[in-house]
């Protein structure tokens, strides 16, 4: 992988990767806690960036789509990394603590 152009296939690959990560990661926080509120905010950011990525892809702006989906995944990955989400030992979808 070098100086490849951003393609629809590449964006779709990362959309799917992020969808799988969002589905797999489960909360490790207590209901109605401050941590749950923080986690909800992080996951809302992930969902918003995923939505943005799809929007940009449909408009043909693949660079912004690729950037947005990577931001989305980073929010989920951060939740796993700091212990708000359980990544279930999946070191392909997450950067485990």
N, C-alpha and C. Protein backbone atom coordinates (compact mmCIF):
# COMPACT_ATOMS: atom_id res chain seq x y z
N UNK A 1 0.85 -1.17 0.00
CA UNK A 1 0.00 0.00 0.00
C UNK A 1 0.90 1.24 0.00
N UNK A 2 0.72 2.07 -0.96
CA UNK A 2 1.56 3.24 -1.06
C UNK A 2 0.71 4.48 -1.26
N UNK A 3 0.93 5.15 -2.36
CA UNK A 3 0.22 6.38 -2.67
C UNK A 3 -1.01 6.11 -3.51
N UNK A 4 -1.88 5.22 -3.02
CA UNK A 4 -3.09 4.87 -3.74
C UNK A 4 -4.11 6.00 -3.63
N UNK A 5 -4.93 6.08 -4.63
CA UNK A 5 -6.03 7.04 -4.59
C UNK A 5 -7.14 6.48 -3.72
N UNK A 6 -7.93 7.36 -3.16
CA UNK A 6 -9.08 6.92 -2.39
C UNK A 6 -10.17 6.50 -3.38
N UNK A 7 -10.60 5.27 -3.25
CA UNK A 7 -11.62 4.73 -4.15
C UNK A 7 -12.90 4.46 -3.37
N UNK A 8 -13.98 4.28 -4.10
CA UNK A 8 -15.25 3.91 -3.46
C UNK A 8 -15.07 2.60 -2.71
N UNK A 9 -14.34 1.67 -3.29
CA UNK A 9 -14.12 0.37 -2.64
C UNK A 9 -13.38 0.54 -1.32
N UNK A 10 -12.41 1.43 -1.28
CA UNK A 10 -11.67 1.66 -0.04
C UNK A 10 -12.58 2.27 1.03
N UNK A 11 -13.37 3.25 0.64
CA UNK A 11 -14.30 3.86 1.60
C UNK A 11 -15.30 2.82 2.08
N UNK A 12 -15.84 2.02 1.18
CA UNK A 12 -16.80 0.99 1.57
C UNK A 12 -16.18 -0.04 2.51
N UNK A 13 -14.91 -0.37 2.26
CA UNK A 13 -14.20 -1.30 3.14
C UNK A 13 -14.15 -0.75 4.56
N UNK A 14 -13.82 0.52 4.71
CA UNK A 14 -13.73 1.12 6.03
C UNK A 14 -15.09 1.40 6.65
N UNK A 15 -16.09 1.65 5.84
CA UNK A 15 -17.46 1.76 6.37
C UNK A 15 -17.87 0.43 7.00
N UNK A 16 -17.57 -0.66 6.32
CA UNK A 16 -17.91 -1.99 6.84
C UNK A 16 -17.09 -2.31 8.09
N UNK A 17 -15.82 -2.01 8.08
CA UNK A 17 -14.97 -2.24 9.24
C UNK A 17 -15.51 -1.49 10.46
N UNK A 18 -15.88 -0.24 10.26
CA UNK A 18 -16.40 0.57 11.35
C UNK A 18 -17.77 0.08 11.80
N UNK A 19 -18.61 -0.35 10.86
CA UNK A 19 -19.91 -0.92 11.22
C UNK A 19 -19.72 -2.14 12.12
N UNK A 20 -18.77 -3.00 11.75
CA UNK A 20 -18.49 -4.19 12.55
C UNK A 20 -17.98 -3.82 13.94
N UNK A 21 -17.11 -2.82 14.01
CA UNK A 21 -16.57 -2.38 15.30
C UNK A 21 -17.69 -1.82 16.17
N UNK A 22 -18.56 -1.01 15.58
CA UNK A 22 -19.67 -0.40 16.34
C UNK A 22 -20.60 -1.47 16.88
N UNK A 23 -20.81 -2.51 16.09
CA UNK A 23 -21.69 -3.61 16.49
C UNK A 23 -21.06 -4.48 17.57
N UNK A 24 -19.76 -4.69 17.47
CA UNK A 24 -19.08 -5.61 18.39
C UNK A 24 -18.81 -5.00 19.76
N UNK A 25 -18.44 -3.75 19.80
CA UNK A 25 -18.07 -3.12 21.06
C UNK A 25 -19.30 -2.97 21.96
N UNK A 26 -19.16 -3.40 23.20
CA UNK A 26 -20.27 -3.32 24.14
C UNK A 26 -19.87 -2.48 25.35
N UNK A 27 -20.84 -1.77 25.91
CA UNK A 27 -20.54 -0.88 27.05
C UNK A 27 -20.03 -1.62 28.28
N UNK A 28 -19.09 -0.97 28.96
CA UNK A 28 -18.56 -1.46 30.23
C UNK A 28 -18.90 -0.50 31.37
N UNK A 29 -19.84 0.39 31.14
CA UNK A 29 -20.17 1.43 32.11
C UNK A 29 -21.49 1.11 32.81
N UNK A 30 -21.65 1.68 33.99
CA UNK A 30 -22.89 1.50 34.73
C UNK A 30 -23.99 2.37 34.12
N UNK A 31 -25.19 1.82 34.11
CA UNK A 31 -26.34 2.57 33.63
C UNK A 31 -26.52 3.85 34.45
N UNK A 32 -26.89 4.91 33.76
CA UNK A 32 -27.19 6.20 34.38
C UNK A 32 -25.99 6.82 35.12
N UNK A 33 -24.79 6.47 34.73
CA UNK A 33 -23.60 7.04 35.34
C UNK A 33 -23.04 8.16 34.45
N UNK A 34 -22.15 8.94 35.02
CA UNK A 34 -21.46 9.96 34.23
C UNK A 34 -20.68 9.33 33.08
N UNK A 35 -20.10 8.16 33.35
CA UNK A 35 -19.35 7.46 32.30
C UNK A 35 -20.26 7.05 31.15
N UNK A 36 -21.49 6.65 31.47
CA UNK A 36 -22.43 6.29 30.41
C UNK A 36 -22.75 7.51 29.54
N UNK A 37 -22.90 8.66 30.16
CA UNK A 37 -23.14 9.88 29.39
C UNK A 37 -21.96 10.21 28.48
N UNK A 38 -20.75 10.04 28.99
CA UNK A 38 -19.56 10.28 28.17
C UNK A 38 -19.50 9.29 27.01
N UNK A 39 -19.79 8.03 27.30
CA UNK A 39 -19.77 7.01 26.26
C UNK A 39 -20.83 7.29 25.20
N UNK A 40 -22.02 7.66 25.62
CA UNK A 40 -23.08 7.99 24.66
C UNK A 40 -22.64 9.13 23.74
N UNK A 41 -21.97 10.11 24.30
CA UNK A 41 -21.47 11.22 23.50
C UNK A 41 -20.44 10.74 22.48
N UNK A 42 -19.53 9.87 22.91
CA UNK A 42 -18.52 9.34 22.00
C UNK A 42 -19.16 8.53 20.88
N UNK A 43 -20.13 7.70 21.23
CA UNK A 43 -20.78 6.87 20.21
C UNK A 43 -21.63 7.71 19.26
N UNK A 44 -22.21 8.77 19.77
CA UNK A 44 -22.96 9.70 18.91
C UNK A 44 -22.02 10.34 17.88
N UNK A 45 -20.81 10.70 18.34
CA UNK A 45 -19.82 11.25 17.42
C UNK A 45 -19.45 10.21 16.35
N UNK A 46 -19.25 8.96 16.77
CA UNK A 46 -18.94 7.89 15.82
C UNK A 46 -20.06 7.73 14.80
N UNK A 47 -21.29 7.74 15.27
CA UNK A 47 -22.44 7.58 14.37
C UNK A 47 -22.56 8.77 13.43
N UNK A 48 -22.34 9.96 13.95
CA UNK A 48 -22.43 11.16 13.10
C UNK A 48 -21.37 11.16 12.02
N UNK A 49 -20.14 10.80 12.39
CA UNK A 49 -19.07 10.73 11.39
C UNK A 49 -19.33 9.63 10.36
N UNK A 50 -19.90 8.51 10.78
CA UNK A 50 -20.25 7.45 9.83
C UNK A 50 -21.30 7.96 8.84
N UNK A 51 -22.28 8.66 9.36
CA UNK A 51 -23.31 9.24 8.50
C UNK A 51 -22.69 10.23 7.52
N UNK A 52 -21.80 11.08 8.03
CA UNK A 52 -21.12 12.04 7.16
C UNK A 52 -20.33 11.33 6.07
N UNK A 53 -19.65 10.24 6.43
CA UNK A 53 -18.85 9.50 5.45
C UNK A 53 -19.74 9.00 4.31
N UNK A 54 -20.89 8.45 4.65
CA UNK A 54 -21.81 7.97 3.61
C UNK A 54 -22.30 9.12 2.75
N UNK A 55 -22.60 10.24 3.38
CA UNK A 55 -23.06 11.42 2.65
C UNK A 55 -21.99 11.88 1.66
N UNK A 56 -20.76 12.02 2.13
CA UNK A 56 -19.67 12.47 1.26
C UNK A 56 -19.43 11.47 0.12
N UNK A 57 -19.51 10.17 0.44
CA UNK A 57 -19.29 9.17 -0.59
C UNK A 57 -20.34 9.29 -1.70
N UNK A 58 -21.58 9.46 -1.30
CA UNK A 58 -22.67 9.59 -2.28
C UNK A 58 -22.51 10.84 -3.14
N UNK A 59 -21.91 11.87 -2.57
CA UNK A 59 -21.65 13.10 -3.33
C UNK A 59 -20.40 13.00 -4.20
N UNK A 60 -19.65 11.91 -4.05
CA UNK A 60 -18.43 11.72 -4.83
C UNK A 60 -17.19 12.33 -4.19
N UNK A 61 -17.31 12.83 -2.97
CA UNK A 61 -16.17 13.41 -2.25
C UNK A 61 -15.52 12.31 -1.41
N UNK A 62 -14.72 11.50 -2.08
CA UNK A 62 -14.16 10.31 -1.43
C UNK A 62 -13.10 10.63 -0.39
N UNK A 63 -12.37 11.71 -0.57
CA UNK A 63 -11.35 12.08 0.41
C UNK A 63 -12.01 12.44 1.74
N UNK A 64 -13.04 13.26 1.69
CA UNK A 64 -13.75 13.60 2.94
C UNK A 64 -14.46 12.38 3.51
N UNK A 65 -14.99 11.53 2.66
CA UNK A 65 -15.65 10.30 3.13
C UNK A 65 -14.66 9.42 3.89
N UNK A 66 -13.47 9.27 3.32
CA UNK A 66 -12.44 8.45 3.94
C UNK A 66 -12.00 9.05 5.28
N UNK A 67 -11.83 10.35 5.30
CA UNK A 67 -11.47 11.01 6.55
C UNK A 67 -12.54 10.85 7.61
N UNK A 68 -13.79 11.02 7.22
CA UNK A 68 -14.90 10.93 8.17
C UNK A 68 -15.03 9.53 8.75
N UNK A 69 -14.90 8.50 7.91
CA UNK A 69 -15.07 7.15 8.45
C UNK A 69 -13.93 6.77 9.37
N UNK A 70 -12.75 7.32 9.10
CA UNK A 70 -11.64 7.05 10.01
C UNK A 70 -11.84 7.76 11.35
N UNK A 71 -12.41 8.96 11.33
CA UNK A 71 -12.76 9.63 12.58
C UNK A 71 -13.80 8.80 13.34
N UNK A 72 -14.80 8.29 12.64
CA UNK A 72 -15.83 7.48 13.28
C UNK A 72 -15.21 6.29 13.99
N UNK A 73 -14.34 5.60 13.29
CA UNK A 73 -13.73 4.41 13.88
C UNK A 73 -12.86 4.80 15.08
N UNK A 74 -12.19 5.93 14.98
CA UNK A 74 -11.33 6.38 16.08
C UNK A 74 -12.13 6.62 17.35
N UNK A 75 -13.34 7.15 17.24
CA UNK A 75 -14.17 7.37 18.43
C UNK A 75 -14.49 6.03 19.10
N UNK A 76 -14.83 5.02 18.31
CA UNK A 76 -15.14 3.70 18.87
C UNK A 76 -13.88 3.10 19.48
N UNK A 77 -12.80 3.17 18.75
CA UNK A 77 -11.53 2.62 19.22
C UNK A 77 -11.09 3.29 20.52
N UNK A 78 -11.29 4.59 20.62
CA UNK A 78 -10.93 5.30 21.85
C UNK A 78 -11.76 4.80 23.03
N UNK A 79 -13.05 4.54 22.79
CA UNK A 79 -13.90 4.01 23.85
C UNK A 79 -13.40 2.68 24.38
N UNK A 80 -12.91 1.83 23.47
CA UNK A 80 -12.33 0.55 23.88
C UNK A 80 -11.02 0.80 24.62
N UNK A 81 -10.20 1.63 24.08
CA UNK A 81 -8.86 1.89 24.64
C UNK A 81 -8.92 2.42 26.06
N UNK A 82 -9.89 3.29 26.35
CA UNK A 82 -9.96 3.88 27.70
C UNK A 82 -10.86 3.10 28.65
N UNK A 83 -11.41 1.98 28.17
CA UNK A 83 -12.16 1.09 29.05
C UNK A 83 -13.63 1.37 29.20
N UNK A 84 -14.20 2.19 28.32
CA UNK A 84 -15.65 2.41 28.38
C UNK A 84 -16.41 1.38 27.55
N UNK A 85 -15.71 0.76 26.59
CA UNK A 85 -16.29 -0.28 25.74
C UNK A 85 -15.42 -1.53 25.80
N UNK A 86 -16.06 -2.68 25.67
CA UNK A 86 -15.36 -3.96 25.60
C UNK A 86 -15.17 -4.32 24.14
N UNK A 87 -13.93 -4.49 23.73
CA UNK A 87 -13.62 -4.89 22.36
C UNK A 87 -13.56 -6.39 22.18
N UNK A 88 -13.83 -7.14 23.24
CA UNK A 88 -13.90 -8.60 23.21
C UNK A 88 -12.65 -9.23 22.62
N UNK A 89 -11.49 -8.63 22.92
CA UNK A 89 -10.22 -9.21 22.52
C UNK A 89 -9.91 -9.12 21.03
N UNK A 90 -10.70 -8.36 20.28
CA UNK A 90 -10.52 -8.27 18.83
C UNK A 90 -9.46 -7.22 18.49
N UNK A 91 -8.24 -7.69 18.25
CA UNK A 91 -7.15 -6.75 17.96
C UNK A 91 -7.07 -6.40 16.49
N UNK A 92 -8.03 -6.83 15.69
CA UNK A 92 -8.12 -6.39 14.30
C UNK A 92 -9.04 -5.18 14.17
N UNK A 93 -10.06 -5.13 14.99
CA UNK A 93 -11.00 -4.01 14.95
C UNK A 93 -10.60 -2.88 15.90
N UNK A 94 -9.83 -3.22 16.94
CA UNK A 94 -9.55 -2.24 17.98
C UNK A 94 -8.08 -2.23 18.38
N UNK A 95 -7.65 -1.10 18.94
CA UNK A 95 -6.36 -1.01 19.60
C UNK A 95 -6.64 -1.32 21.06
N UNK A 96 -6.33 -2.52 21.46
CA UNK A 96 -6.69 -2.98 22.80
C UNK A 96 -5.77 -2.39 23.86
N UNK A 97 -6.35 -2.19 25.07
CA UNK A 97 -5.54 -1.66 26.18
C UNK A 97 -4.44 -2.62 26.58
